[in-house]
C-alpha atoms as a PDB file:
ATOM      1  CA  MET A   1      -0.527 -59.133  11.355  1.00  0.00           C
ATOM      2  CA  GLN A   2       1.043 -61.616   8.943  1.00  0.00           C
ATOM      3  CA  ARG A   3      -0.703 -61.295   5.583  1.00  0.00           C
ATOM      4  CA  ALA A   4      -2.353 -58.462   3.613  1.00  0.00           C
ATOM      5  CA  VAL A   5      -3.819 -57.962   0.188  1.00  0.00           C
ATOM      6  CA  VAL A   6      -3.580 -54.727  -1.793  1.00  0.00           C
ATOM      7  CA  ILE A   7      -6.173 -54.456  -4.548  1.00  0.00           C
ATOM      8  CA  GLY A   8      -4.699 -52.297  -7.281  1.00  0.00           C
ATOM      9  CA  GLY A   9      -1.222 -52.513  -8.750  1.00  0.00           C
ATOM     10  CA  GLY A  10      -0.700 -48.873  -9.648  1.00  0.00           C
ATOM     11  CA  SER A  11       1.865 -46.557  -8.098  1.00  0.00           C
ATOM     12  CA  TRP A  12      -0.111 -45.861  -4.902  1.00  0.00           C
ATOM     13  CA  GLY A  13      -1.163 -49.453  -4.356  1.00  0.00           C
ATOM     14  CA  THR A  14       2.448 -50.552  -4.794  1.00  0.00           C
ATOM     15  CA  ALA A  15       3.766 -47.874  -2.419  1.00  0.00           C
ATOM     16  CA  LEU A  16       1.269 -48.915   0.274  1.00  0.00           C
ATOM     17  CA  ALA A  17       2.142 -52.570  -0.251  1.00  0.00           C
ATOM     18  CA  LEU A  18       5.797 -51.655   0.172  1.00  0.00           C
ATOM     19  CA  LEU A  19       5.060 -49.941   3.505  1.00  0.00           C
ATOM     20  CA  LEU A  20       3.428 -53.131   4.763  1.00  0.00           C
ATOM     21  CA  ALA A  21       6.138 -55.385   3.359  1.00  0.00           C
ATOM     22  CA  ARG A  22       8.856 -53.343   5.066  1.00  0.00           C
ATOM     23  CA  LYS A  23       7.177 -54.220   8.371  1.00  0.00           C
ATOM     24  CA  GLY A  24       7.583 -57.924   7.640  1.00  0.00           C
ATOM     25  CA  ILE A  25       4.027 -58.547   6.395  1.00  0.00           C
ATOM     26  CA  GLU A  26       3.479 -60.936   3.483  1.00  0.00           C
ATOM     27  CA  VAL A  27       1.708 -58.813   0.856  1.00  0.00           C
ATOM     28  CA  ASN A  28      -0.102 -59.900  -2.283  1.00  0.00           C
ATOM     29  CA  VAL A  29      -0.873 -57.130  -4.757  1.00  0.00           C
ATOM     30  CA  TRP A  30      -3.690 -57.778  -7.191  1.00  0.00           C
ATOM     31  CA  CYS A  31      -3.311 -56.265 -10.646  1.00  0.00           C
ATOM     32  CA  ASN A  32      -5.539 -56.637 -13.671  1.00  0.00           C
ATOM     33  CA  GLN A  33      -3.269 -58.532 -16.073  1.00  0.00           C
ATOM     34  CA  HIS A  34      -1.396 -61.822 -15.624  1.00  0.00           C
ATOM     35  CA  THR A  35       1.395 -60.676 -17.942  1.00  0.00           C
ATOM     36  CA  GLN A  36       1.887 -57.542 -15.894  1.00  0.00           C
ATOM     37  CA  ALA A  37       1.997 -59.510 -12.645  1.00  0.00           C
ATOM     38  CA  ASP A  38       4.623 -61.843 -14.095  1.00  0.00           C
ATOM     39  CA  GLU A  39       6.678 -58.890 -15.337  1.00  0.00           C
ATOM     40  CA  PHE A  40       6.634 -57.136 -11.968  1.00  0.00           C
ATOM     41  CA  ASN A  41       7.484 -60.323 -10.047  1.00  0.00           C
ATOM     42  CA  ALA A  42      10.398 -61.133 -12.345  1.00  0.00           C
ATOM     43  CA  ALA A  43      11.805 -57.604 -12.059  1.00  0.00           C
ATOM     44  CA  HIS A  44      11.056 -57.204  -8.309  1.00  0.00           C
ATOM     45  CA  ALA A  45       9.756 -53.785  -9.338  1.00  0.00           C
ATOM     46  CA  ASN A  46       6.612 -52.129 -10.639  1.00  0.00           C
ATOM     47  CA  THR A  47       8.323 -51.233 -13.891  1.00  0.00           C
ATOM     48  CA  ARG A  48       5.228 -49.549 -15.334  1.00  0.00           C
ATOM     49  CA  TYR A  49       3.954 -47.316 -12.545  1.00  0.00           C
ATOM     50  CA  LEU A  50       6.771 -47.025  -9.997  1.00  0.00           C
ATOM     51  CA  PRO A  51      10.035 -47.649 -11.866  1.00  0.00           C
ATOM     52  CA  GLY A  52      13.352 -47.574 -10.064  1.00  0.00           C
ATOM     53  CA  VAL A  53      12.004 -48.793  -6.711  1.00  0.00           C
ATOM     54  CA  GLU A  54      13.181 -52.279  -5.739  1.00  0.00           C
ATOM     55  CA  LEU A  55      10.507 -54.444  -4.125  1.00  0.00           C
ATOM     56  CA  PRO A  56      11.209 -57.100  -1.440  1.00  0.00           C
ATOM     57  CA  THR A  57      10.544 -60.795  -1.908  1.00  0.00           C
ATOM     58  CA  ASN A  58       7.595 -60.750   0.553  1.00  0.00           C
ATOM     59  CA  LEU A  59       5.675 -58.522  -1.886  1.00  0.00           C
ATOM     60  CA  ARG A  60       4.208 -60.439  -4.821  1.00  0.00           C
ATOM     61  CA  PHE A  61       1.835 -59.548  -7.663  1.00  0.00           C
ATOM     62  CA  THR A  62      -1.001 -61.719  -8.949  1.00  0.00           C
ATOM     63  CA  ALA A  63      -4.014 -61.299 -11.212  1.00  0.00           C
ATOM     64  CA  ASP A  64      -5.992 -64.006  -9.371  1.00  0.00           C
ATOM     65  CA  PRO A  65      -8.370 -62.486  -6.759  1.00  0.00           C
ATOM     66  CA  HIS A  66      -8.547 -65.693  -4.712  1.00  0.00           C
ATOM     67  CA  ARG A  67      -4.781 -66.104  -4.595  1.00  0.00           C
ATOM     68  CA  ALA A  68      -4.356 -62.428  -3.750  1.00  0.00           C
ATOM     69  CA  ALA A  69      -6.824 -62.519  -0.846  1.00  0.00           C
ATOM     70  CA  GLU A  70      -5.852 -65.916   0.565  1.00  0.00           C
ATOM     71  CA  GLY A  71      -5.197 -65.645   4.294  1.00  0.00           C
ATOM     72  CA  ALA A  72      -5.353 -61.823   4.275  1.00  0.00           C
ATOM     73  CA  GLN A  73      -6.017 -60.195   7.629  1.00  0.00           C
ATOM     74  CA  ILE A  74      -6.442 -56.740   6.119  1.00  0.00           C
ATOM     75  CA  ALA A  75      -7.247 -55.499   2.616  1.00  0.00           C
ATOM     76  CA  VAL A  76      -6.232 -52.236   0.999  1.00  0.00           C
ATOM     77  CA  SER A  77      -8.199 -50.881  -1.950  1.00  0.00           C
ATOM     78  CA  ALA A  78      -6.248 -48.635  -4.318  1.00  0.00           C
ATOM     79  CA  VAL A  79      -8.343 -48.929  -7.483  1.00  0.00           C
ATOM     80  CA  PRO A  80      -9.396 -45.769  -9.374  1.00  0.00           C
ATOM     81  CA  THR A  81     -12.963 -44.844  -8.496  1.00  0.00           C
ATOM     82  CA  GLN A  82     -14.506 -45.355 -11.923  1.00  0.00           C
ATOM     83  CA  PHE A  83     -13.224 -48.967 -12.040  1.00  0.00           C
ATOM     84  CA  LEU A  84     -13.769 -49.805  -8.386  1.00  0.00           C
ATOM     85  CA  ARG A  85     -17.268 -51.285  -8.591  1.00  0.00           C
ATOM     86  CA  ARG A  86     -16.252 -53.732 -11.318  1.00  0.00           C
ATOM     87  CA  VAL A  87     -13.015 -54.735  -9.580  1.00  0.00           C
ATOM     88  CA  ALA A  88     -14.653 -55.114  -6.157  1.00  0.00           C
ATOM     89  CA  ALA A  89     -17.133 -57.583  -7.664  1.00  0.00           C
ATOM     90  CA  ARG A  90     -14.211 -59.864  -8.510  1.00  0.00           C
ATOM     91  CA  PHE A  91     -13.421 -60.125  -4.787  1.00  0.00           C
ATOM     92  CA  GLU A  92     -16.986 -60.859  -3.682  1.00  0.00           C
ATOM     93  CA  ASP A  93     -16.225 -64.539  -3.074  1.00  0.00           C
ATOM     94  CA  ALA A  94     -12.501 -64.161  -2.486  1.00  0.00           C
ATOM     95  CA  LEU A  95     -12.447 -61.771   0.479  1.00  0.00           C
ATOM     96  CA  GLY A  96     -13.980 -62.865   3.769  1.00  0.00           C
ATOM     97  CA  GLY A  97     -16.702 -60.669   5.229  1.00  0.00           C
ATOM     98  CA  SER A  98     -14.803 -59.983   8.436  1.00  0.00           C
ATOM     99  CA  VAL A  99     -11.639 -58.739   6.714  1.00  0.00           C
ATOM    100  CA  PRO A 100     -11.336 -54.955   7.180  1.00  0.00           C
ATOM    101  CA  ILE A 101     -10.781 -52.862   4.065  1.00  0.00           C
ATOM    102  CA  VAL A 102      -8.718 -49.682   4.050  1.00  0.00           C
ATOM    103  CA  SER A 103      -9.684 -47.514   1.087  1.00  0.00           C
ATOM    104  CA  ALA A 104      -6.886 -45.435  -0.413  1.00  0.00           C
ATOM    105  CA  THR A 105      -8.901 -44.241  -3.418  1.00  0.00           C
ATOM    106  CA  LYS A 106      -9.718 -40.541  -3.833  1.00  0.00           C
ATOM    107  CA  GLY A 107     -12.683 -39.822  -6.070  1.00  0.00           C
ATOM    108  CA  LEU A 108     -16.442 -39.919  -6.672  1.00  0.00           C
ATOM    109  CA  GLU A 109     -18.287 -42.277  -9.009  1.00  0.00           C
ATOM    110  CA  ILE A 110     -19.746 -40.378 -11.978  1.00  0.00           C
ATOM    111  CA  GLU A 111     -23.066 -42.208 -12.256  1.00  0.00           C
ATOM    112  CA  THR A 112     -23.930 -42.220  -8.561  1.00  0.00           C
ATOM    113  CA  LEU A 113     -21.694 -39.651  -6.799  1.00  0.00           C
ATOM    114  CA  SER A 114     -20.807 -42.546  -4.478  1.00  0.00           C
ATOM    115  CA  ARG A 115     -17.640 -42.427  -2.421  1.00  0.00           C
ATOM    116  CA  PRO A 116     -15.232 -45.389  -2.632  1.00  0.00           C
ATOM    117  CA  THR A 117     -16.271 -46.863   0.736  1.00  0.00           C
ATOM    118  CA  GLU A 118     -19.924 -46.652  -0.325  1.00  0.00           C
ATOM    119  CA  ILE A 119     -19.069 -48.605  -3.467  1.00  0.00           C
ATOM    120  CA  LEU A 120     -17.139 -51.211  -1.485  1.00  0.00           C
ATOM    121  CA  GLU A 121     -19.995 -51.665   0.968  1.00  0.00           C
ATOM    122  CA  ALA A 122     -22.585 -51.895  -1.816  1.00  0.00           C
ATOM    123  CA  VAL A 123     -20.624 -54.620  -3.607  1.00  0.00           C
ATOM    124  CA  LEU A 124     -18.978 -56.523  -0.740  1.00  0.00           C
ATOM    125  CA  GLY A 125     -21.513 -55.984   2.037  1.00  0.00           C
ATOM    126  CA  GLN A 126     -21.139 -54.436   5.463  1.00  0.00           C
ATOM    127  CA  ARG A 127     -17.706 -54.934   6.979  1.00  0.00           C
ATOM    128  CA  PRO A 128     -15.054 -52.903   8.841  1.00  0.00           C
ATOM    129  CA  LEU A 129     -14.061 -49.955   6.632  1.00  0.00           C
ATOM    130  CA  ALA A 130     -11.469 -47.218   6.933  1.00  0.00           C
ATOM    131  CA  VAL A 131     -10.054 -44.504   4.692  1.00  0.00           C
ATOM    132  CA  LEU A 132      -6.384 -43.609   4.406  1.00  0.00           C
ATOM    133  CA  SER A 133      -5.795 -40.123   3.020  1.00  0.00           C
ATOM    134  CA  GLY A 134      -3.477 -37.122   3.171  1.00  0.00           C
ATOM    135  CA  PRO A 135      -0.464 -35.607   1.391  1.00  0.00           C
ATOM    136  CA  SER A 136       1.364 -38.714   0.238  1.00  0.00           C
ATOM    137  CA  HIS A 137       2.627 -39.006  -3.327  1.00  0.00           C
ATOM    138  CA  ALA A 138       3.589 -42.584  -4.100  1.00  0.00           C
ATOM    139  CA  GLU A 139       6.912 -41.597  -5.633  1.00  0.00           C
ATOM    140  CA  GLU A 140       8.095 -40.136  -2.321  1.00  0.00           C
ATOM    141  CA  VAL A 141       6.505 -42.664   0.030  1.00  0.00           C
ATOM    142  CA  ALA A 142       8.069 -45.579  -1.858  1.00  0.00           C
ATOM    143  CA  ARG A 143      11.516 -44.027  -1.415  1.00  0.00           C
ATOM    144  CA  GLY A 144      11.117 -43.609   2.323  1.00  0.00           C
ATOM    145  CA  LEU A 145      10.669 -39.843   2.380  1.00  0.00           C
ATOM    146  CA  PRO A 146       8.643 -38.615   5.391  1.00  0.00           C
ATOM    147  CA  ALA A 147       4.875 -38.373   4.975  1.00  0.00           C
ATOM    148  CA  THR A 148       1.923 -37.958   7.325  1.00  0.00           C
ATOM    149  CA  VAL A 149      -1.660 -39.079   6.678  1.00  0.00           C
ATOM    150  CA  VAL A 150      -4.907 -39.779   8.515  1.00  0.00           C
ATOM    151  CA  ALA A 151      -6.814 -43.050   8.903  1.00  0.00           C
ATOM    152  CA  ALA A 152     -10.541 -42.478   9.365  1.00  0.00           C
ATOM    153  CA  SER A 153     -13.339 -44.846  10.297  1.00  0.00           C
ATOM    154  CA  LYS A 154     -16.747 -44.666  11.927  1.00  0.00           C
ATOM    155  CA  VAL A 155     -15.422 -47.298  14.339  1.00  0.00           C
ATOM    156  CA  PRO A 156     -12.408 -46.086  16.386  1.00  0.00           C
ATOM    157  CA  GLU A 157     -10.960 -49.594  16.640  1.00  0.00           C
ATOM    158  CA  VAL A 158     -10.888 -49.929  12.846  1.00  0.00           C
ATOM    159  CA  ALA A 159      -9.132 -46.575  12.448  1.00  0.00           C
ATOM    160  CA  ALA A 160      -6.620 -47.696  15.060  1.00  0.00           C
ATOM    161  CA  GLN A 161      -6.083 -50.970  13.189  1.00  0.00           C
ATOM    162  CA  ALA A 162      -5.309 -49.099   9.967  1.00  0.00           C
ATOM    163  CA  GLN A 163      -3.034 -46.759  11.907  1.00  0.00           C
ATOM    164  CA  ALA A 164      -1.116 -49.677  13.402  1.00  0.00           C
ATOM    165  CA  ALA A 165      -0.755 -51.379  10.031  1.00  0.00           C
ATOM    166  CA  PHE A 166       0.834 -48.410   8.275  1.00  0.00           C
ATOM    167  CA  ASN A 167       2.458 -46.239  10.931  1.00  0.00           C
ATOM    168  CA  GLY A 168       6.238 -46.349  10.799  1.00  0.00           C
ATOM    169  CA  ASP A 169       9.486 -44.400  11.078  1.00  0.00           C
ATOM    170  CA  PHE A 170       8.857 -42.396   7.893  1.00  0.00           C
ATOM    171  CA  PHE A 171       5.071 -42.712   7.545  1.00  0.00           C
ATOM    172  CA  ARG A 172       3.105 -41.211  10.420  1.00  0.00           C
ATOM    173  CA  VAL A 173      -0.609 -41.964  10.690  1.00  0.00           C
ATOM    174  CA  TYR A 174      -3.173 -40.046  12.736  1.00  0.00           C
ATOM    175  CA  THR A 175      -6.775 -41.201  13.285  1.00  0.00           C
ATOM    176  CA  SER A 176     -10.161 -39.585  12.751  1.00  0.00           C
ATOM    177  CA  SER A 177     -13.787 -40.597  13.221  1.00  0.00           C
ATOM    178  CA  ASP A 178     -14.937 -38.420  10.283  1.00  0.00           C
ATOM    179  CA  LEU A 179     -14.732 -40.989   7.496  1.00  0.00           C
ATOM    180  CA  LEU A 180     -17.144 -38.959   5.359  1.00  0.00           C
ATOM    181  CA  GLY A 181     -15.103 -35.762   5.626  1.00  0.00           C
ATOM    182  CA  VAL A 182     -11.748 -37.432   5.017  1.00  0.00           C
ATOM    183  CA  GLU A 183     -13.074 -39.248   1.972  1.00  0.00           C
ATOM    184  CA  LEU A 184     -14.753 -36.154   0.502  1.00  0.00           C
ATOM    185  CA  ALA A 185     -11.657 -34.030   1.084  1.00  0.00           C
ATOM    186  CA  GLY A 186      -9.507 -36.550  -0.782  1.00  0.00           C
ATOM    187  CA  ALA A 187     -11.846 -36.414  -3.765  1.00  0.00           C
ATOM    188  CA  LEU A 188     -12.527 -32.675  -3.887  1.00  0.00           C
ATOM    189  CA  LYS A 189      -8.911 -31.515  -3.611  1.00  0.00           C
ATOM    190  CA  ASN A 190      -8.231 -33.062  -7.024  1.00  0.00           C
ATOM    191  CA  VAL A 191     -10.742 -30.704  -8.640  1.00  0.00           C
ATOM    192  CA  ILE A 192      -8.973 -27.693  -7.149  1.00  0.00           C
ATOM    193  CA  ALA A 193      -5.630 -29.134  -8.269  1.00  0.00           C
ATOM    194  CA  LEU A 194      -6.881 -29.081 -11.855  1.00  0.00           C
ATOM    195  CA  ALA A 195      -7.623 -25.384 -11.420  1.00  0.00           C
ATOM    196  CA  ALA A 196      -4.162 -24.829  -9.913  1.00  0.00           C
ATOM    197  CA  GLY A 197      -2.604 -26.540 -12.911  1.00  0.00           C
ATOM    198  CA  ILE A 198      -4.605 -24.410 -15.323  1.00  0.00           C
ATOM    199  CA  GLY A 199      -3.257 -21.367 -13.499  1.00  0.00           C
ATOM    200  CA  ASP A 200       0.285 -22.707 -13.875  1.00  0.00           C
ATOM    201  CA  GLY A 201      -0.289 -23.257 -17.579  1.00  0.00           C
ATOM    202  CA  LEU A 202      -1.488 -19.685 -17.906  1.00  0.00           C
ATOM    203  CA  ALA A 203       1.500 -18.434 -15.839  1.00  0.00           C
ATOM    204  CA  LEU A 204      -0.788 -16.593 -13.409  1.00  0.00           C
ATOM    205  CA  GLY A 205       1.844 -16.414 -10.654  1.00  0.00           C
ATOM    206  CA  ASP A 206       2.200 -17.157  -6.956  1.00  0.00           C
ATOM    207  CA  ASN A 207      -0.464 -14.750  -5.708  1.00  0.00           C
ATOM    208  CA  ALA A 208      -3.081 -16.428  -7.876  1.00  0.00           C
ATOM    209  CA  LYS A 209      -1.970 -19.903  -6.740  1.00  0.00           C
ATOM    210  CA  ALA A 210      -2.228 -18.915  -3.073  1.00  0.00           C
ATOM    211  CA  ALA A 211      -5.681 -17.421  -3.589  1.00  0.00           C
ATOM    212  CA  LEU A 212      -6.856 -20.454  -5.521  1.00  0.00           C
ATOM    213  CA  VAL A 213      -5.712 -22.895  -2.844  1.00  0.00           C
ATOM    214  CA  THR A 214      -7.320 -20.815  -0.099  1.00  0.00           C
ATOM    215  CA  ARG A 215     -10.634 -20.278  -1.853  1.00  0.00           C
ATOM    216  CA  GLY A 216     -10.610 -23.860  -3.066  1.00  0.00           C
ATOM    217  CA  MET A 217     -10.325 -24.962   0.545  1.00  0.00           C
ATOM    218  CA  VAL A 218     -13.481 -23.000   1.360  1.00  0.00           C
ATOM    219  CA  GLU A 219     -15.344 -24.669  -1.520  1.00  0.00           C
ATOM    220  CA  MET A 220     -14.252 -28.119  -0.347  1.00  0.00           C
ATOM    221  CA  ALA A 221     -15.451 -27.392   3.179  1.00  0.00           C
ATOM    222  CA  ARG A 222     -18.793 -26.072   1.909  1.00  0.00           C
ATOM    223  CA  VAL A 223     -19.433 -29.296  -0.001  1.00  0.00           C
ATOM    224  CA  GLY A 224     -18.340 -31.404   2.939  1.00  0.00           C
ATOM    225  CA  VAL A 225     -20.540 -29.617   5.452  1.00  0.00           C
ATOM    226  CA  ALA A 226     -23.491 -29.811   3.038  1.00  0.00           C
ATOM    227  CA  ARG A 227     -23.007 -33.587   2.850  1.00  0.00           C
ATOM    228  CA  GLY A 228     -22.750 -33.989   6.635  1.00  0.00           C
ATOM    229  CA  ALA A 229     -18.989 -33.905   7.227  1.00  0.00           C
ATOM    230  CA  ARG A 230     -17.227 -31.940   9.954  1.00  0.00           C
ATOM    231  CA  MET A 231     -15.742 -28.626   8.845  1.00  0.00           C
ATOM    232  CA  GLU A 232     -12.545 -29.038  10.858  1.00  0.00           C
ATOM    233  CA  THR A 233     -11.621 -32.144   8.863  1.00  0.00           C
ATOM    234  CA  PHE A 234     -11.015 -29.963   5.811  1.00  0.00           C
ATOM    235  CA  PHE A 235      -8.414 -27.995   7.700  1.00  0.00           C
ATOM    236  CA  GLY A 236      -6.425 -31.122   8.537  1.00  0.00           C
ATOM    237  CA  LEU A 237      -4.180 -33.523   6.624  1.00  0.00           C
ATOM    238  CA  ALA A 238      -6.899 -34.879   4.335  1.00  0.00           C
ATOM    239  CA  GLY A 239      -8.004 -31.357   3.421  1.00  0.00           C
ATOM    240  CA  ILE A 240      -5.549 -28.488   3.375  1.00  0.00           C
ATOM    241  CA  GLY A 241      -2.564 -30.839   3.727  1.00  0.00           C
ATOM    242  CA  ASP A 242      -3.377 -32.902   0.654  1.00  0.00           C
ATOM    243  CA  LEU A 243      -4.622 -29.834  -1.221  1.00  0.00           C
ATOM    244  CA  VAL A 244      -1.304 -27.997  -0.895  1.00  0.00           C
ATOM    245  CA  THR A 245       0.668 -31.026  -2.074  1.00  0.00           C
ATOM    246  CA  THR A 246      -1.637 -31.762  -4.996  1.00  0.00           C
ATOM    247  CA  CYS A 247      -1.755 -28.147  -6.164  1.00  0.00           C
ATOM    248  CA  CYS A 248       2.003 -27.603  -5.996  1.00  0.00           C
ATOM    249  CA  SER A 249       3.822 -30.892  -6.576  1.00  0.00           C
ATOM    250  CA  ARG A 250       5.497 -31.989  -9.785  1.00  0.00           C
ATOM    251  CA  HIS A 251       4.193 -35.495  -8.976  1.00  0.00           C
ATOM    252  CA  SER A 252       0.541 -34.395  -9.096  1.00  0.00           C
ATOM    253  CA  ARG A 253      -1.268 -35.879 -12.090  1.00  0.00           C
ATOM    254  CA  ASN A 254      -4.281 -33.615 -11.624  1.00  0.00           C
ATOM    255  CA  ARG A 255      -2.158 -30.465 -11.516  1.00  0.00           C
ATOM    256  CA  ALA A 256      -0.273 -31.681 -14.609  1.00  0.00           C
ATOM    257  CA  VAL A 257      -3.518 -32.222 -16.527  1.00  0.00           C
ATOM    258  CA  GLY A 258      -4.646 -28.713 -15.647  1.00  0.00           C
ATOM    259  CA  GLU A 259      -1.302 -27.228 -16.661  1.00  0.00           C
ATOM    260  CA  ALA A 260      -1.447 -28.868 -20.081  1.00  0.00           C
ATOM    261  CA  ILE A 261      -4.975 -27.525 -20.608  1.00  0.00           C
ATOM    262  CA  GLY A 262      -3.867 -24.066 -19.512  1.00  0.00           C
ATOM    263  CA  ARG A 263      -1.184 -24.214 -22.178  1.00  0.00           C
ATOM    264  CA  GLY A 264      -3.734 -24.928 -24.882  1.00  0.00           C
ATOM    265  CA  GLU A 265      -4.169 -28.703 -25.083  1.00  0.00           C
ATOM    266  CA  THR A 266      -7.603 -30.301 -25.022  1.00  0.00           C
ATOM    267  CA  LEU A 267      -8.692 -32.728 -22.333  1.00  0.00           C
ATOM    268  CA  GLU A 268      -8.848 -35.506 -24.918  1.00  0.00           C
ATOM    269  CA  GLN A 269      -5.263 -34.881 -25.986  1.00  0.00           C
ATOM    270  CA  VAL A 270      -4.000 -34.939 -22.415  1.00  0.00           C
ATOM    271  CA  LEU A 271      -5.851 -38.102 -21.386  1.00  0.00           C
ATOM    272  CA  ALA A 272      -4.792 -39.942 -24.526  1.00  0.00           C
ATOM    273  CA  ARG A 273      -1.135 -39.898 -23.494  1.00  0.00           C
ATOM    274  CA  MET A 274      -1.597 -40.647 -19.784  1.00  0.00           C
ATOM    275  CA  GLN A 275      -0.786 -44.065 -18.343  1.00  0.00           C
ATOM    276  CA  MET A 276      -2.307 -43.338 -14.942  1.00  0.00           C
ATOM    277  CA  VAL A 277      -5.669 -41.896 -13.903  1.00  0.00           C
ATOM    278  CA  ALA A 278      -6.284 -38.256 -12.975  1.00  0.00           C
ATOM    279  CA  GLU A 279      -9.225 -38.721 -10.593  1.00  0.00           C
ATOM    280  CA  GLY A 280     -10.069 -35.020 -10.521  1.00  0.00           C
ATOM    281  CA  VAL A 281     -11.344 -35.052 -14.099  1.00  0.00           C
ATOM    282  CA  TRP A 282     -14.073 -37.548 -13.282  1.00  0.00           C
ATOM    283  CA  THR A 283     -14.792 -36.111  -9.833  1.00  0.00           C
ATOM    284  CA  THR A 284     -15.461 -32.779 -11.557  1.00  0.00           C
ATOM    285  CA  LYS A 285     -17.904 -34.479 -13.896  1.00  0.00           C
ATOM    286  CA  ALA A 286     -19.612 -36.254 -10.995  1.00  0.00           C
ATOM    287  CA  LEU A 287     -20.041 -33.020  -9.013  1.00  0.00           C
ATOM    288  CA  PHE A 288     -22.153 -31.519 -11.766  1.00  0.00           C
ATOM    289  CA  GLY A 289     -23.912 -34.701 -12.879  1.00  0.00           C
ATOM    290  CA  PRO A 290     -27.597 -35.567 -12.411  1.00  0.00           C
ATOM    291  CA  GLU A 291     -26.977 -37.299  -9.055  1.00  0.00           C
ATOM    292  CA  SER A 292     -24.963 -34.515  -7.434  1.00  0.00           C
ATOM    293  CA  GLU A 293     -27.753 -32.806  -5.400  1.00  0.00           C
ATOM    294  CA  LEU A 294     -25.290 -29.971  -4.762  1.00  0.00           C
ATOM    295  CA  SER A 295     -26.949 -27.228  -6.787  1.00  0.00           C
ATOM    296  CA  ASP A 296     -27.410 -25.079  -3.668  1.00  0.00           C
ATOM    297  CA  VAL A 297     -23.704 -25.242  -2.724  1.00  0.00           C
ATOM    298  CA  SER A 298     -21.515 -22.413  -4.009  1.00  0.00           C
ATOM    299  CA  MET A 299     -18.593 -23.974  -5.963  1.00  0.00           C
ATOM    300  CA  PRO A 300     -17.435 -21.286  -8.402  1.00  0.00           C
ATOM    301  CA  ILE A 301     -13.913 -22.676  -8.926  1.00  0.00           C
ATOM    302  CA  ALA A 302     -15.185 -26.203  -9.471  1.00  0.00           C
ATOM    303  CA  ALA A 303     -17.892 -24.878 -11.805  1.00  0.00           C
ATOM    304  CA  GLU A 304     -15.323 -23.091 -13.950  1.00  0.00           C
ATOM    305  CA  VAL A 305     -13.126 -26.212 -14.047  1.00  0.00           C
ATOM    306  CA  HIS A 306     -16.137 -28.169 -15.278  1.00  0.00           C
ATOM    307  CA  ALA A 307     -16.832 -25.544 -17.937  1.00  0.00           C
ATOM    308  CA  VAL A 308     -13.227 -25.688 -19.178  1.00  0.00           C
ATOM    309  CA  LEU A 309     -13.044 -29.493 -19.193  1.00  0.00           C
ATOM    310  CA  PHE A 310     -16.457 -30.385 -20.550  1.00  0.00           C
ATOM    311  CA  GLU A 311     -17.974 -27.258 -22.110  1.00  0.00           C
ATOM    312  CA  GLN A 312     -14.956 -26.014 -24.110  1.00  0.00           C
ATOM    313  CA  LYS A 313     -14.746 -22.763 -22.179  1.00  0.00           C
ATOM    314  CA  SER A 314     -11.511 -20.828 -22.568  1.00  0.00           C
ATOM    315  CA  PRO A 315      -9.295 -21.070 -19.431  1.00  0.00           C
ATOM    316  CA  ARG A 316      -8.670 -17.305 -19.573  1.00  0.00           C
ATOM    317  CA  ALA A 317     -12.394 -16.627 -19.772  1.00  0.00           C
ATOM    318  CA  ALA A 318     -12.899 -18.872 -16.733  1.00  0.00           C
ATOM    319  CA  VAL A 319     -10.319 -16.884 -14.759  1.00  0.00           C
ATOM    320  CA  ALA A 320     -11.927 -13.601 -15.800  1.00  0.00           C
ATOM    321  CA  ASP A 321     -15.366 -14.781 -14.720  1.00  0.00           C
ATOM    322  CA  LEU A 322     -14.036 -15.873 -11.323  1.00  0.00           C
ATOM    323  CA  MET A 323     -12.413 -12.501 -10.715  1.00  0.00           C
ATOM    324  CA  ARG A 324     -15.541 -10.578 -11.743  1.00  0.00           C
ATOM    325  CA  ARG A 325     -17.895 -12.344  -9.347  1.00  0.00           C
ATOM    326  CA  GLU A 326     -19.964 -10.253  -6.946  1.00  0.00           C
ATOM    327  CA  PRO A 327     -17.880  -9.265  -3.879  1.00  0.00           C
ATOM    328  CA  ALA A 328     -18.776 -11.322  -0.809  1.00  0.00           C
ATOM    329  CA  PRO A 329     -17.727 -12.071   2.803  1.00  0.00           C
ATOM    330  CA  GLU A 330     -14.699 -14.356   2.891  1.00  0.00           C
ATOM    331  CA  MET A 331     -16.318 -17.219   4.809  1.00  0.00           C
ATOM    332  CA  LYS A 332     -19.794 -17.006   3.301  1.00  0.00           C
ATOM    333  CA  GLY A 333     -21.532 -20.347   3.540  1.00  0.00           C
ATOM    334  CA  LEU A 334     -19.272 -21.612   6.329  1.00  0.00           C
ATOM    335  CA  VAL A 335     -19.795 -19.347   9.326  1.00  0.00           C
END
């Protein structure tokens, strides 16, 4: 492979572009603003979203979709879910129909509950699609710290192509055929991370965090199985692996949003000062929107997160209501 395009110039898009560039691939990164592209190219760094990481000369930024996609043999999509449909439309004529797309976005569209690959296919037509997901904060990946993820596709050859593109000495990639499960796990773990952050803000302790992660994992698997995914996927890198990282890491935006809310800030106050997107906020809204069709799936943690974020429920009242629920078998709804 000689050329690639990464659509999305945030921290994760830049980190993935850097992985490709370090393997000698010419990488164009599309970002939304010409001035930003010029700034990043002049500095050889993503000074806004990934400061302090020097970028090689074979990694360039552009705001022109046609220039970004020219000659690309693989495309990587790292655009936040709520903007993805609009951005993908800009590549409708720029990106050839045979070029495989690896989606690195973790979320659900509010209006439709669509997953990122569903959005890409709806806008750009049928083509080879894969998902790259797992515990992999951009700040660590960009600095060459070890990370392990999974590349999933309905077509084994496409998963293997994504694996070959990204696998390296410090970035190990496994494959999976459960694209649906991997993509859902990546979206749902952000909702649980918000709850974990709220617990941190309330200083609920380690026992509560462990319980939340464990029970959150069960909720994620319930939703996945209800949508047709394989249960075992949620106990792999895209599920429990990413969940642990997102619920515990200082790099986690979703956990940080939850922590601020647990300490008494409103959602509006938190979002107003953020430069980057916390996907879990909008995934939570999508889960309980009119298109969700998940009313029969038990999601008590996610429901309480929704109540805190969008119904002004007190975080402490949400915790109390979770603890007072009717006692039940541990794996109810799964086995």
